[in-house]
Structures are given as structure tokens and as C-alpha cells.
Amino acid sequence: HSQLASAAAFLTVKDAAEYLGLSPHTLYVWRHRRQGPPSFRMGPR
């Protein structure tokens, strides 16, 4: 799974956290505080 994620142009929170060596919780907190790397919502869900 992580090899496929590392080849993707877009990463989920879980995969981005793994890529950065952080926890998904950290990325959620940063997003809420408008900190950290830029993120966006994609898709119908």
C-alpha cells in the first residue's frame, strides 16, 4: 500500500502523514488551525 501511495500525485491524510513521518492526528490538527502543508477536499465525499 505504501509503495502505491508514494507513487500517487494525491495523498490521503493517512498516506500524507506516513510520507511526512507524522501522525494523521497531527495533520488534522494542523488543518484545523490552518497550519502545515496545504490540503483540500476532493470528490463527492
PDB file of all heavy atoms in Angstrom:
ATOM      1  N   HIS A   1       0.835  -1.208   0.000  1.00  0.00           N
ATOM      2  CA  HIS A   1       0.000   0.000   0.000  1.00  0.00           C
ATOM      3  C   HIS A   1       0.869   1.257   0.000  1.00  0.00           C
ATOM      4  O   HIS A   1       0.619   2.192  -0.736  1.00  0.00           O
ATOM      5  CB  HIS A   1      -0.923  -0.010   1.220  1.00  0.00           C
ATOM      6  CG  HIS A   1      -1.759   1.217   1.341  1.00  0.00           C
ATOM      7  ND1 HIS A   1      -2.771   1.506   0.449  1.00  0.00           N
ATOM      8  CD2 HIS A   1      -1.733   2.240   2.216  1.00  0.00           C
ATOM      9  CE1 HIS A   1      -3.326   2.649   0.789  1.00  0.00           C
ATOM     10  NE2 HIS A   1      -2.714   3.116   1.859  1.00  0.00           N
ATOM     11  N   SER A   2       1.919   1.271   0.837  1.00  0.00           N
ATOM     12  CA  SER A   2       2.738   2.477   0.933  1.00  0.00           C
ATOM     13  C   SER A   2       3.532   2.731  -0.347  1.00  0.00           C
ATOM     14  O   SER A   2       3.797   3.866  -0.682  1.00  0.00           O
ATOM     15  CB  SER A   2       3.668   2.403   2.149  1.00  0.00           C
ATOM     16  OG  SER A   2       4.530   1.309   2.031  1.00  0.00           O
ATOM     17  N   GLN A   3       3.905   1.667  -1.066  1.00  0.00           N
ATOM     18  CA  GLN A   3       4.607   1.874  -2.345  1.00  0.00           C
ATOM     19  C   GLN A   3       3.669   2.528  -3.357  1.00  0.00           C
ATOM     20  O   GLN A   3       4.071   3.419  -4.094  1.00  0.00           O
ATOM     21  CB  GLN A   3       5.125   0.546  -2.902  1.00  0.00           C
ATOM     22  CG  GLN A   3       6.363   0.033  -2.201  1.00  0.00           C
ATOM     23  CD  GLN A   3       6.766  -1.344  -2.699  1.00  0.00           C
ATOM     24  OE1 GLN A   3       5.917  -2.190  -2.961  1.00  0.00           O
ATOM     25  NE2 GLN A   3       8.056  -1.560  -2.833  1.00  0.00           N
ATOM     26  N   LEU A   4       2.409   2.099  -3.371  1.00  0.00           N
ATOM     27  CA  LEU A   4       1.449   2.717  -4.280  1.00  0.00           C
ATOM     28  C   LEU A   4       1.195   4.158  -3.872  1.00  0.00           C
ATOM     29  O   LEU A   4       1.120   5.040  -4.704  1.00  0.00           O
ATOM     30  CB  LEU A   4       0.130   1.927  -4.274  1.00  0.00           C
ATOM     31  CG  LEU A   4       0.174   0.561  -4.936  1.00  0.00           C
ATOM     32  CD1 LEU A   4      -1.137  -0.170  -4.729  1.00  0.00           C
ATOM     33  CD2 LEU A   4       0.480   0.688  -6.415  1.00  0.00           C
ATOM     34  N   ALA A   5       1.077   4.389  -2.583  1.00  0.00           N
ATOM     35  CA  ALA A   5       0.830   5.746  -2.098  1.00  0.00           C
ATOM     36  C   ALA A   5       1.989   6.664  -2.452  1.00  0.00           C
ATOM     37  O   ALA A   5       1.790   7.821  -2.788  1.00  0.00           O
ATOM     38  CB  ALA A   5       0.614   5.739  -0.583  1.00  0.00           C
ATOM     39  N   SER A   6       3.212   6.150  -2.386  1.00  0.00           N
ATOM     40  CA  SER A   6       4.368   7.002  -2.655  1.00  0.00           C
ATOM     41  C   SER A   6       4.464   7.373  -4.137  1.00  0.00           C
ATOM     42  O   SER A   6       5.166   8.294  -4.490  1.00  0.00           O
ATOM     43  CB  SER A   6       5.659   6.330  -2.187  1.00  0.00           C
ATOM     44  OG  SER A   6       5.906   5.183  -2.953  1.00  0.00           O
ATOM     45  N   ALA A   7       3.734   6.656  -5.007  1.00  0.00           N
ATOM     46  CA  ALA A   7       3.760   6.964  -6.434  1.00  0.00           C
ATOM     47  C   ALA A   7       2.600   7.855  -6.842  1.00  0.00           C
ATOM     48  O   ALA A   7       2.582   8.374  -7.942  1.00  0.00           O
ATOM     49  CB  ALA A   7       3.727   5.670  -7.240  1.00  0.00           C
ATOM     50  N   ALA A   8       1.621   8.046  -5.951  1.00  0.00           N
ATOM     51  CA  ALA A   8       0.422   8.811  -6.287  1.00  0.00           C
ATOM     52  C   ALA A   8       0.695  10.311  -6.239  1.00  0.00           C
ATOM     53  O   ALA A   8       1.512  10.768  -5.459  1.00  0.00           O
ATOM     54  CB  ALA A   8      -0.703   8.454  -5.323  1.00  0.00           C
ATOM     55  N   ALA A   9      -0.030  11.054  -7.082  1.00  0.00           N
ATOM     56  CA  ALA A   9       0.112  12.514  -7.095  1.00  0.00           C
ATOM     57  C   ALA A   9      -0.655  13.147  -5.941  1.00  0.00           C
ATOM     58  O   ALA A   9      -0.298  14.208  -5.468  1.00  0.00           O
ATOM     59  CB  ALA A   9      -0.386  13.068  -8.422  1.00  0.00           C
ATOM     60  N   PHE A  10      -1.720  12.474  -5.502  1.00  0.00           N
ATOM     61  CA  PHE A  10      -2.543  12.981  -4.401  1.00  0.00           C
ATOM     62  C   PHE A  10      -2.538  11.943  -3.286  1.00  0.00           C
ATOM     63  O   PHE A  10      -2.666  10.751  -3.550  1.00  0.00           O
ATOM     64  CB  PHE A  10      -3.982  13.232  -4.863  1.00  0.00           C
ATOM     65  CG  PHE A  10      -4.077  14.239  -5.962  1.00  0.00           C
ATOM     66  CD1 PHE A  10      -4.209  13.840  -7.277  1.00  0.00           C
ATOM     67  CD2 PHE A  10      -4.032  15.600  -5.686  1.00  0.00           C
ATOM     68  CE1 PHE A  10      -4.287  14.769  -8.299  1.00  0.00           C
ATOM     69  CE2 PHE A  10      -4.107  16.535  -6.704  1.00  0.00           C
ATOM     70  CZ  PHE A  10      -4.236  16.122  -8.007  1.00  0.00           C
ATOM     71  N   LEU A  11      -2.410  12.411  -2.064  1.00  0.00           N
ATOM     72  CA  LEU A  11      -2.349  11.502  -0.929  1.00  0.00           C
ATOM     73  C   LEU A  11      -3.476  11.791   0.056  1.00  0.00           C
ATOM     74  O   LEU A  11      -3.824  12.952   0.279  1.00  0.00           O
ATOM     75  CB  LEU A  11      -1.010  11.647  -0.198  1.00  0.00           C
ATOM     76  CG  LEU A  11       0.254  11.390  -1.021  1.00  0.00           C
ATOM     77  CD1 LEU A  11       1.491  11.608  -0.164  1.00  0.00           C
ATOM     78  CD2 LEU A  11       0.263   9.993  -1.590  1.00  0.00           C
ATOM     79  N   THR A  12      -4.003  10.723   0.652  1.00  0.00           N
ATOM     80  CA  THR A  12      -4.975  10.888   1.729  1.00  0.00           C
ATOM     81  C   THR A  12      -4.242  11.377   2.966  1.00  0.00           C
ATOM     82  O   THR A  12      -3.010  11.407   3.002  1.00  0.00           O
ATOM     83  CB  THR A  12      -5.650   9.548   2.052  1.00  0.00           C
ATOM     84  OG1 THR A  12      -4.635   8.645   2.519  1.00  0.00           O
ATOM     85  CG2 THR A  12      -6.354   8.959   0.837  1.00  0.00           C
ATOM     86  N   VAL A  13      -4.992  11.742   3.990  1.00  0.00           N
ATOM     87  CA  VAL A  13      -4.371  12.192   5.233  1.00  0.00           C
ATOM     88  C   VAL A  13      -3.450  11.097   5.780  1.00  0.00           C
ATOM     89  O   VAL A  13      -2.318  11.377   6.181  1.00  0.00           O
ATOM     90  CB  VAL A  13      -5.451  12.562   6.286  1.00  0.00           C
ATOM     91  CG1 VAL A  13      -4.810  12.840   7.633  1.00  0.00           C
ATOM     92  CG2 VAL A  13      -6.234  13.772   5.817  1.00  0.00           C
ATOM     93  N   LYS A  14      -3.929   9.854   5.750  1.00  0.00           N
ATOM     94  CA  LYS A  14      -3.129   8.739   6.279  1.00  0.00           C
ATOM     95  C   LYS A  14      -1.816   8.595   5.502  1.00  0.00           C
ATOM     96  O   LYS A  14      -0.743   8.463   6.094  1.00  0.00           O
ATOM     97  CB  LYS A  14      -3.947   7.450   6.191  1.00  0.00           C
ATOM     98  CG  LYS A  14      -3.243   6.215   6.699  1.00  0.00           C
ATOM     99  CD  LYS A  14      -4.186   5.016   6.641  1.00  0.00           C
ATOM    100  CE  LYS A  14      -3.500   3.752   7.092  1.00  0.00           C
ATOM    101  NZ  LYS A  14      -2.475   3.295   6.159  1.00  0.00           N
ATOM    102  N   ASP A  15      -1.915   8.637   4.170  1.00  0.00           N
ATOM    103  CA  ASP A  15      -0.713   8.470   3.352  1.00  0.00           C
ATOM    104  C   ASP A  15       0.212   9.686   3.448  1.00  0.00           C
ATOM    105  O   ASP A  15       1.430   9.550   3.457  1.00  0.00           O
ATOM    106  CB  ASP A  15      -1.090   8.204   1.896  1.00  0.00           C
ATOM    107  CG  ASP A  15      -1.727   6.827   1.714  1.00  0.00           C
ATOM    108  OD1 ASP A  15      -1.418   5.914   2.507  1.00  0.00           O
ATOM    109  OD2 ASP A  15      -2.544   6.667   0.795  1.00  0.00           O
ATOM    110  N   ALA A  16      -0.370  10.892   3.514  1.00  0.00           N
ATOM    111  CA  ALA A  16       0.447  12.099   3.656  1.00  0.00           C
ATOM    112  C   ALA A  16       1.189  12.070   4.990  1.00  0.00           C
ATOM    113  O   ALA A  16       2.358  12.439   5.068  1.00  0.00           O
ATOM    114  CB  ALA A  16      -0.427  13.347   3.553  1.00  0.00           C
ATOM    115  N   ALA A  17       0.496  11.624   6.043  1.00  0.00           N
ATOM    116  CA  ALA A  17       1.129  11.534   7.360  1.00  0.00           C
ATOM    117  C   ALA A  17       2.295  10.555   7.324  1.00  0.00           C
ATOM    118  O   ALA A  17       3.377  10.840   7.847  1.00  0.00           O
ATOM    119  CB  ALA A  17       0.098  11.097   8.401  1.00  0.00           C
ATOM    120  N   GLU A  18       2.093   9.413   6.670  1.00  0.00           N
ATOM    121  CA  GLU A  18       3.166   8.421   6.545  1.00  0.00           C
ATOM    122  C   GLU A  18       4.331   9.000   5.742  1.00  0.00           C
ATOM    123  O   GLU A  18       5.496   8.833   6.094  1.00  0.00           O
ATOM    124  CB  GLU A  18       2.614   7.163   5.857  1.00  0.00           C
ATOM    125  CG  GLU A  18       3.594   6.011   5.806  1.00  0.00           C
ATOM    126  CD  GLU A  18       2.981   4.773   5.168  1.00  0.00           C
ATOM    127  OE1 GLU A  18       1.837   4.427   5.512  1.00  0.00           O
ATOM    128  OE2 GLU A  18       3.656   4.164   4.306  1.00  0.00           O
ATOM    129  N   TYR A  19       4.019   9.718   4.680  1.00  0.00           N
ATOM    130  CA  TYR A  19       5.036  10.332   3.819  1.00  0.00           C
ATOM    131  C   TYR A  19       5.876  11.337   4.598  1.00  0.00           C
ATOM    132  O   TYR A  19       7.087  11.430   4.414  1.00  0.00           O
ATOM    133  CB  TYR A  19       4.323  11.012   2.644  1.00  0.00           C
ATOM    134  CG  TYR A  19       5.227  11.610   1.597  1.00  0.00           C
ATOM    135  CD1 TYR A  19       5.956  10.787   0.727  1.00  0.00           C
ATOM    136  CD2 TYR A  19       5.343  12.984   1.450  1.00  0.00           C
ATOM    137  CE1 TYR A  19       6.770  11.332  -0.248  1.00  0.00           C
ATOM    138  CE2 TYR A  19       6.158  13.534   0.472  1.00  0.00           C
ATOM    139  CZ  TYR A  19       6.867  12.702  -0.372  1.00  0.00           C
ATOM    140  OH  TYR A  19       7.677  13.243  -1.332  1.00  0.00           O
ATOM    141  N   LEU A  20       5.211  12.099   5.492  1.00  0.00           N
ATOM    142  CA  LEU A  20       5.906  13.127   6.270  1.00  0.00           C
ATOM    143  C   LEU A  20       6.485  12.602   7.578  1.00  0.00           C
ATOM    144  O   LEU A  20       7.201  13.325   8.270  1.00  0.00           O
ATOM    145  CB  LEU A  20       4.940  14.282   6.584  1.00  0.00           C
ATOM    146  CG  LEU A  20       4.422  15.073   5.382  1.00  0.00           C
ATOM    147  CD1 LEU A  20       3.311  16.013   5.818  1.00  0.00           C
ATOM    148  CD2 LEU A  20       5.558  15.839   4.717  1.00  0.00           C
ATOM    149  N   GLY A  21       6.142  11.374   7.935  1.00  0.00           N
ATOM    150  CA  GLY A  21       6.619  10.823   9.200  1.00  0.00           C
ATOM    151  C   GLY A  21       5.871  11.415  10.389  1.00  0.00           C
ATOM    152  O   GLY A  21       6.434  11.562  11.473  1.00  0.00           O
ATOM    153  N   LEU A  22       4.612  11.773  10.185  1.00  0.00           N
ATOM    154  CA  LEU A  22       3.775  12.348  11.236  1.00  0.00           C
ATOM    155  C   LEU A  22       2.566  11.455  11.464  1.00  0.00           C
ATOM    156  O   LEU A  22       2.325  10.520  10.706  1.00  0.00           O
ATOM    157  CB  LEU A  22       3.286  13.741  10.798  1.00  0.00           C
ATOM    158  CG  LEU A  22       4.351  14.783  10.503  1.00  0.00           C
ATOM    159  CD1 LEU A  22       3.733  15.986   9.823  1.00  0.00           C
ATOM    160  CD2 LEU A  22       5.044  15.190  11.790  1.00  0.00           C
ATOM    161  N   SER A  23       1.787  11.787  12.488  1.00  0.00           N
ATOM    162  CA  SER A  23       0.548  11.044  12.706  1.00  0.00           C
ATOM    163  C   SER A  23      -0.583  11.744  11.949  1.00  0.00           C
ATOM    164  O   SER A  23      -0.544  12.965  11.765  1.00  0.00           O
ATOM    165  CB  SER A  23       0.213  10.978  14.190  1.00  0.00           C
ATOM    166  OG  SER A  23      -0.235  12.234  14.641  1.00  0.00           O
ATOM    167  N   PRO A  24      -1.588  10.971  11.510  1.00  0.00           N
ATOM    168  CA  PRO A  24      -2.741  11.601  10.866  1.00  0.00           C
ATOM    169  C   PRO A  24      -3.392  12.640  11.780  1.00  0.00           C
ATOM    170  O   PRO A  24      -3.846  13.690  11.312  1.00  0.00           O
ATOM    171  CB  PRO A  24      -3.692  10.432  10.594  1.00  0.00           C
ATOM    172  CG  PRO A  24      -2.784   9.241  10.490  1.00  0.00           C
ATOM    173  CD  PRO A  24      -1.667   9.506  11.464  1.00  0.00           C
ATOM    174  N   HIS A  25      -3.390  12.390  13.072  1.00  0.00           N
ATOM    175  CA  HIS A  25      -3.975  13.344  14.023  1.00  0.00           C
ATOM    176  C   HIS A  25      -3.283  14.702  13.927  1.00  0.00           C
ATOM    177  O   HIS A  25      -3.950  15.744  13.949  1.00  0.00           O
ATOM    178  CB  HIS A  25      -3.880  12.788  15.446  1.00  0.00           C
ATOM    179  CG  HIS A  25      -4.382  13.743  16.482  1.00  0.00           C
ATOM    180  ND1 HIS A  25      -5.724  14.003  16.661  1.00  0.00           N
ATOM    181  CD2 HIS A  25      -3.727  14.524  17.371  1.00  0.00           C
ATOM    182  CE1 HIS A  25      -5.861  14.894  17.626  1.00  0.00           C
ATOM    183  NE2 HIS A  25      -4.674  15.236  18.076  1.00  0.00           N
ATOM    184  N   THR A  26      -1.947  14.684  13.823  1.00  0.00           N
ATOM    185  CA  THR A  26      -1.195  15.946  13.699  1.00  0.00           C
ATOM    186  C   THR A  26      -1.658  16.718  12.470  1.00  0.00           C
ATOM    187  O   THR A  26      -1.887  17.928  12.540  1.00  0.00           O
ATOM    188  CB  THR A  26       0.319  15.668  13.625  1.00  0.00           C
ATOM    189  OG1 THR A  26       0.727  15.043  14.833  1.00  0.00           O
ATOM    190  CG2 THR A  26       1.113  16.938  13.407  1.00  0.00           C
ATOM    191  N   LEU A  27      -1.817  16.028  11.339  1.00  0.00           N
ATOM    192  CA  LEU A  27      -2.263  16.714  10.119  1.00  0.00           C
ATOM    193  C   LEU A  27      -3.671  17.273  10.282  1.00  0.00           C
ATOM    194  O   LEU A  27      -3.958  18.381   9.813  1.00  0.00           O
ATOM    195  CB  LEU A  27      -2.197  15.760   8.918  1.00  0.00           C
ATOM    196  CG  LEU A  27      -0.794  15.453   8.397  1.00  0.00           C
ATOM    197  CD1 LEU A  27      -0.872  14.537   7.188  1.00  0.00           C
ATOM    198  CD2 LEU A  27      -0.036  16.722   8.048  1.00  0.00           C
ATOM    199  N   TYR A  28      -4.557  16.526  10.946  1.00  0.00           N
ATOM    200  CA  TYR A  28      -5.917  17.039  11.173  1.00  0.00           C
ATOM    201  C   TYR A  28      -5.889  18.292  12.046  1.00  0.00           C
ATOM    202  O   TYR A  28      -6.595  19.262  11.787  1.00  0.00           O
ATOM    203  CB  TYR A  28      -6.803  15.966  11.808  1.00  0.00           C
ATOM    204  CG  TYR A  28      -7.355  14.970  10.816  1.00  0.00           C
ATOM    205  CD1 TYR A  28      -7.055  13.616  10.915  1.00  0.00           C
ATOM    206  CD2 TYR A  28      -8.201  15.380   9.778  1.00  0.00           C
ATOM    207  CE1 TYR A  28      -7.565  12.698  10.007  1.00  0.00           C
ATOM    208  CE2 TYR A  28      -8.707  14.470   8.863  1.00  0.00           C
ATOM    209  CZ  TYR A  28      -8.396  13.128   8.983  1.00  0.00           C
ATOM    210  OH  TYR A  28      -8.899  12.236   8.079  1.00  0.00           O
ATOM    211  N   VAL A  29      -5.076  18.270  13.102  1.00  0.00           N
ATOM    212  CA  VAL A  29      -4.969  19.433  13.994  1.00  0.00           C
ATOM    213  C   VAL A  29      -4.418  20.631  13.224  1.00  0.00           C
ATOM    214  O   VAL A  29      -4.940  21.747  13.311  1.00  0.00           O
ATOM    215  CB  VAL A  29      -4.092  19.106  15.225  1.00  0.00           C
ATOM    216  CG1 VAL A  29      -3.771  20.368  16.015  1.00  0.00           C
ATOM    217  CG2 VAL A  29      -4.787  18.082  16.114  1.00  0.00           C
ATOM    218  N   TRP A  30      -3.337  20.402  12.449  1.00  0.00           N
ATOM    219  CA  TRP A  30      -2.754  21.487  11.658  1.00  0.00           C
ATOM    220  C   TRP A  30      -3.774  22.056  10.684  1.00  0.00           C
ATOM    221  O   TRP A  30      -3.875  23.262  10.504  1.00  0.00           O
ATOM    222  CB  TRP A  30      -1.528  20.997  10.898  1.00  0.00           C
ATOM    223  CG  TRP A  30      -0.301  20.867  11.740  1.00  0.00           C
ATOM    224  CD1 TRP A  30      -0.152  21.226  13.043  1.00  0.00           C
ATOM    225  CD2 TRP A  30       0.951  20.342  11.326  1.00  0.00           C
ATOM    226  NE1 TRP A  30       1.122  20.941  13.466  1.00  0.00           N
ATOM    227  CE2 TRP A  30       1.825  20.395  12.432  1.00  0.00           C
ATOM    228  CE3 TRP A  30       1.422  19.806  10.126  1.00  0.00           C
ATOM    229  CZ2 TRP A  30       3.141  19.962  12.374  1.00  0.00           C
ATOM    230  CZ3 TRP A  30       2.733  19.364  10.066  1.00  0.00           C
ATOM    231  CH2 TRP A  30       3.589  19.451  11.178  1.00  0.00           C
ATOM    232  N   ARG A  31      -4.529  21.170  10.025  1.00  0.00           N
ATOM    233  CA  ARG A  31      -5.530  21.624   9.049  1.00  0.00           C
ATOM    234  C   ARG A  31      -6.567  22.500   9.752  1.00  0.00           C
ATOM    235  O   ARG A  31      -6.949  23.551   9.246  1.00  0.00           O
ATOM    236  CB  ARG A  31      -6.185  20.426   8.377  1.00  0.00           C
ATOM    237  CG  ARG A  31      -7.242  20.797   7.358  1.00  0.00           C
ATOM    238  CD  ARG A  31      -7.769  19.575   6.625  1.00  0.00           C
ATOM    239  NE  ARG A  31      -9.049  19.834   6.008  1.00  0.00           N
ATOM    240  CZ  ARG A  31      -9.228  20.457   4.854  1.00  0.00           C
ATOM    241  NH1 ARG A  31      -8.180  20.877   4.164  1.00  0.00           N
ATOM    242  NH2 ARG A  31     -10.422  20.659   4.367  1.00  0.00           N
ATOM    243  N   HIS A  32      -7.000  22.063  10.917  1.00  0.00           N
ATOM    244  CA  HIS A  32      -7.991  22.820  11.684  1.00  0.00           C
ATOM    245  C   HIS A  32      -7.447  24.203  12.049  1.00  0.00           C
ATOM    246  O   HIS A  32      -8.181  25.193  12.038  1.00  0.00           O
ATOM    247  CB  HIS A  32      -8.369  22.046  12.941  1.00  0.00           C
ATOM    248  CG  HIS A  32      -9.371  22.743  13.801  1.00  0.00           C
ATOM    249  ND1 HIS A  32     -10.698  22.903  13.426  1.00  0.00           N
ATOM    250  CD2 HIS A  32      -9.253  23.345  14.999  1.00  0.00           C
ATOM    251  CE1 HIS A  32     -11.327  23.569  14.360  1.00  0.00           C
ATOM    252  NE2 HIS A  32     -10.484  23.851  15.339  1.00  0.00           N
ATOM    253  N   ARG A  33      -6.148  24.273  12.362  1.00  0.00           N
ATOM    254  CA  ARG A  33      -5.513  25.545  12.742  1.00  0.00           C
ATOM    255  C   ARG A  33      -4.980  26.315  11.542  1.00  0.00           C
ATOM    256  O   ARG A  33      -4.318  27.332  11.700  1.00  0.00           O
ATOM    257  CB  ARG A  33      -4.343  25.261  13.694  1.00  0.00           C
ATOM    258  CG  ARG A  33      -4.767  24.706  15.016  1.00  0.00           C
ATOM    259  CD  ARG A  33      -3.542  24.437  15.864  1.00  0.00           C
ATOM    260  NE  ARG A  33      -3.886  23.888  17.155  1.00  0.00           N
ATOM    261  CZ  ARG A  33      -3.003  23.331  17.979  1.00  0.00           C
ATOM    262  NH1 ARG A  33      -1.725  23.256  17.632  1.00  0.00           N
ATOM    263  NH2 ARG A  33      -3.384  22.849  19.125  1.00  0.00           N
ATOM    264  N   ARG A  34      -5.206  25.801  10.347  1.00  0.00           N
ATOM    265  CA  ARG A  34      -4.682  26.382   9.102  1.00  0.00           C
ATOM    266  C   ARG A  34      -3.160  26.467   9.137  1.00  0.00           C
ATOM    267  O   ARG A  34      -2.556  27.468   8.769  1.00  0.00           O
ATOM    268  CB  ARG A  34      -5.306  27.750   8.846  1.00  0.00           C
ATOM    269  CG  ARG A  34      -6.778  27.663   8.492  1.00  0.00           C
ATOM    270  CD  ARG A  34      -7.441  29.012   8.387  1.00  0.00           C
ATOM    271  NE  ARG A  34      -8.733  28.999   7.730  1.00  0.00           N
ATOM    272  CZ  ARG A  34      -9.824  28.345   8.141  1.00  0.00           C
ATOM    273  NH1 ARG A  34      -9.772  27.586   9.211  1.00  0.00           N
ATOM    274  NH2 ARG A  34     -10.957  28.426   7.486  1.00  0.00           N
ATOM    275  N   GLN A  35      -2.545  25.393   9.608  1.00  0.00           N
ATOM    276  CA  GLN A  35      -1.088  25.274   9.626  1.00  0.00           C
ATOM    277  C   GLN A  35      -0.699  24.094   8.743  1.00  0.00           C
ATOM    278  O   GLN A  35      -1.551  23.394   8.221  1.00  0.00           O
ATOM    279  CB  GLN A  35      -0.589  25.000  11.051  1.00  0.00           C
ATOM    280  CG  GLN A  35      -0.868  26.111  12.040  1.00  0.00           C
ATOM    281  CD  GLN A  35      -0.484  25.710  13.454  1.00  0.00           C
ATOM    282  OE1 GLN A  35      -0.620  24.567  13.850  1.00  0.00           O
ATOM    283  NE2 GLN A  35      -0.011  26.671  14.232  1.00  0.00           N
ATOM    284  N   GLY A  36       0.607  23.867   8.657  1.00  0.00           N
ATOM    285  CA  GLY A  36       1.099  22.691   7.950  1.00  0.00           C
ATOM    286  C   GLY A  36       0.951  22.806   6.446  1.00  0.00           C
ATOM    287  O   GLY A  36       0.651  23.874   5.911  1.00  0.00           O
ATOM    288  N   PRO A  37       1.168  21.692   5.754  1.00  0.00           N
ATOM    289  CA  PRO A  37       1.104  21.715   4.286  1.00  0.00           C
ATOM    290  C   PRO A  37      -0.326  21.947   3.802  1.00  0.00           C
ATOM    291  O   PRO A  37      -1.287  21.594   4.489  1.00  0.00           O
ATOM    292  CB  PRO A  37       1.596  20.310   3.894  1.00  0.00           C
ATOM    293  CG  PRO A  37       1.375  19.462   5.097  1.00  0.00           C
ATOM    294  CD  PRO A  37       1.497  20.362   6.282  1.00  0.00           C
ATOM    295  N   PRO A  38      -0.473  22.565   2.621  1.00  0.00           N
ATOM    296  CA  PRO A  38      -1.813  22.850   2.101  1.00  0.00           C
ATOM    297  C   PRO A  38      -2.573  21.567   1.769  1.00  0.00           C
ATOM    298  O   PRO A  38      -1.996  20.616   1.243  1.00  0.00           O
ATOM    299  CB  PRO A  38      -1.547  23.682   0.842  1.00  0.00           C
ATOM    300  CG  PRO A  38      -0.134  23.442   0.479  1.00  0.00           C
ATOM    301  CD  PRO A  38       0.585  23.046   1.744  1.00  0.00           C
ATOM    302  N   SER A  39      -3.869  21.557   2.090  1.00  0.00           N
ATOM    303  CA  SER A  39      -4.726  20.415   1.803  1.00  0.00           C
ATOM    304  C   SER A  39      -6.025  20.928   1.203  1.00  0.00           C
ATOM    305  O   SER A  39      -6.298  22.125   1.216  1.00  0.00           O
ATOM    306  CB  SER A  39      -5.009  19.634   3.089  1.00  0.00           C
ATOM    307  OG  SER A  39      -5.630  20.474   4.043  1.00  0.00           O
ATOM    308  N   PHE A  40      -6.823  20.005   0.678  1.00  0.00           N
ATOM    309  CA  PHE A  40      -8.101  20.388   0.073  1.00  0.00           C
ATOM    310  C   PHE A  40      -9.025  19.187   0.105  1.00  0.00           C
ATOM    311  O   PHE A  40      -8.582  18.060   0.325  1.00  0.00           O
ATOM    312  CB  PHE A  40      -7.880  20.874  -1.370  1.00  0.00           C
ATOM    313  CG  PHE A  40      -7.293  19.821  -2.275  1.00  0.00           C
ATOM    314  CD1 PHE A  40      -8.112  19.045  -3.089  1.00  0.00           C
ATOM    315  CD2 PHE A  40      -5.922  19.591  -2.295  1.00  0.00           C
ATOM    316  CE1 PHE A  40      -7.568  18.064  -3.901  1.00  0.00           C
ATOM    317  CE2 PHE A  40      -5.377  18.615  -3.113  1.00  0.00           C
ATOM    318  CZ  PHE A  40      -6.202  17.844  -3.911  1.00  0.00           C
ATOM    319  N   ARG A  41     -10.297  19.437  -0.102  1.00  0.00           N
ATOM    320  CA  ARG A  41     -11.275  18.345  -0.162  1.00  0.00           C
ATOM    321  C   ARG A  41     -11.502  17.963  -1.620  1.00  0.00           C
ATOM    322  O   ARG A  41     -11.608  18.827  -2.479  1.00  0.00           O
ATOM    323  CB  ARG A  41     -12.579  18.761   0.494  1.00  0.00           C
ATOM    324  CG  ARG A  41     -12.448  18.935   1.991  1.00  0.00           C
ATOM    325  CD  ARG A  41     -13.806  19.045   2.658  1.00  0.00           C
ATOM    326  NE  ARG A  41     -13.666  19.147   4.097  1.00  0.00           N
ATOM    327  CZ  ARG A  41     -13.523  18.092   4.920  1.00  0.00           C
ATOM    328  NH1 ARG A  41     -13.497  16.870   4.422  1.00  0.00           N
ATOM    329  NH2 ARG A  41     -13.399  18.263   6.215  1.00  0.00           N
ATOM    330  N   MET A  42     -11.583  16.651  -1.886  1.00  0.00           N
ATOM    331  CA  MET A  42     -11.728  16.175  -3.253  1.00  0.00           C
ATOM    332  C   MET A  42     -12.782  15.081  -3.291  1.00  0.00           C
ATOM    333  O   MET A  42     -12.840  14.247  -2.385  1.00  0.00           O
ATOM    334  CB  MET A  42     -10.383  15.637  -3.762  1.00  0.00           C
ATOM    335  CG  MET A  42     -10.420  15.177  -5.211  1.00  0.00           C
ATOM    336  SD  MET A  42      -8.769  14.985  -5.942  1.00  0.00           S
ATOM    337  CE  MET A  42      -8.228  13.454  -5.228  1.00  0.00           C
ATOM    338  N   GLY A  43     -13.579  15.098  -4.328  1.00  0.00           N
ATOM    339  CA  GLY A  43     -14.551  14.037  -4.538  1.00  0.00           C
ATOM    340  C   GLY A  43     -15.887  14.301  -3.865  1.00  0.00           C
ATOM    341  O   GLY A  43     -16.024  15.223  -3.066  1.00  0.00           O
ATOM    342  N   PRO A  44     -16.869  13.478  -4.197  1.00  0.00           N
ATOM    343  CA  PRO A  44     -18.219  13.700  -3.673  1.00  0.00           C
ATOM    344  C   PRO A  44     -18.307  13.582  -2.151  1.00  0.00           C
ATOM    345  O   PRO A  44     -19.140  14.215  -1.528  1.00  0.00           O
ATOM    346  CB  PRO A  44     -19.056  12.611  -4.355  1.00  0.00           C
ATOM    347  CG  PRO A  44     -18.084  11.618  -4.878  1.00  0.00           C
ATOM    348  CD  PRO A  44     -16.784  12.337  -5.090  1.00  0.00           C
ATOM    349  N   ARG A  45     -17.439  12.794  -1.550  1.00  0.00           N
ATOM    350  CA  ARG A  45     -17.482  12.635  -0.100  1.00  0.00           C
ATOM    351  C   ARG A  45     -16.567  13.628   0.611  1.00  0.00           C
ATOM    352  O   ARG A  45     -16.491  13.641   1.828  1.00  0.00           O
ATOM    353  CB  ARG A  45     -17.098  11.201   0.270  1.00  0.00           C
ATOM    354  CG  ARG A  45     -18.107  10.190  -0.263  1.00  0.00           C
ATOM    355  CD  ARG A  45     -17.635   8.779  -0.132  1.00  0.00           C
ATOM    356  NE  ARG A  45     -17.647   8.345   1.256  1.00  0.00           N
ATOM    357  CZ  ARG A  45     -17.080   7.226   1.696  1.00  0.00           C
ATOM    358  NH1 ARG A  45     -16.474   6.433   0.836  1.00  0.00           N
ATOM    359  NH2 ARG A  45     -17.119   6.902   2.959  1.00  0.00           N
TER     360      ARG A  45
END
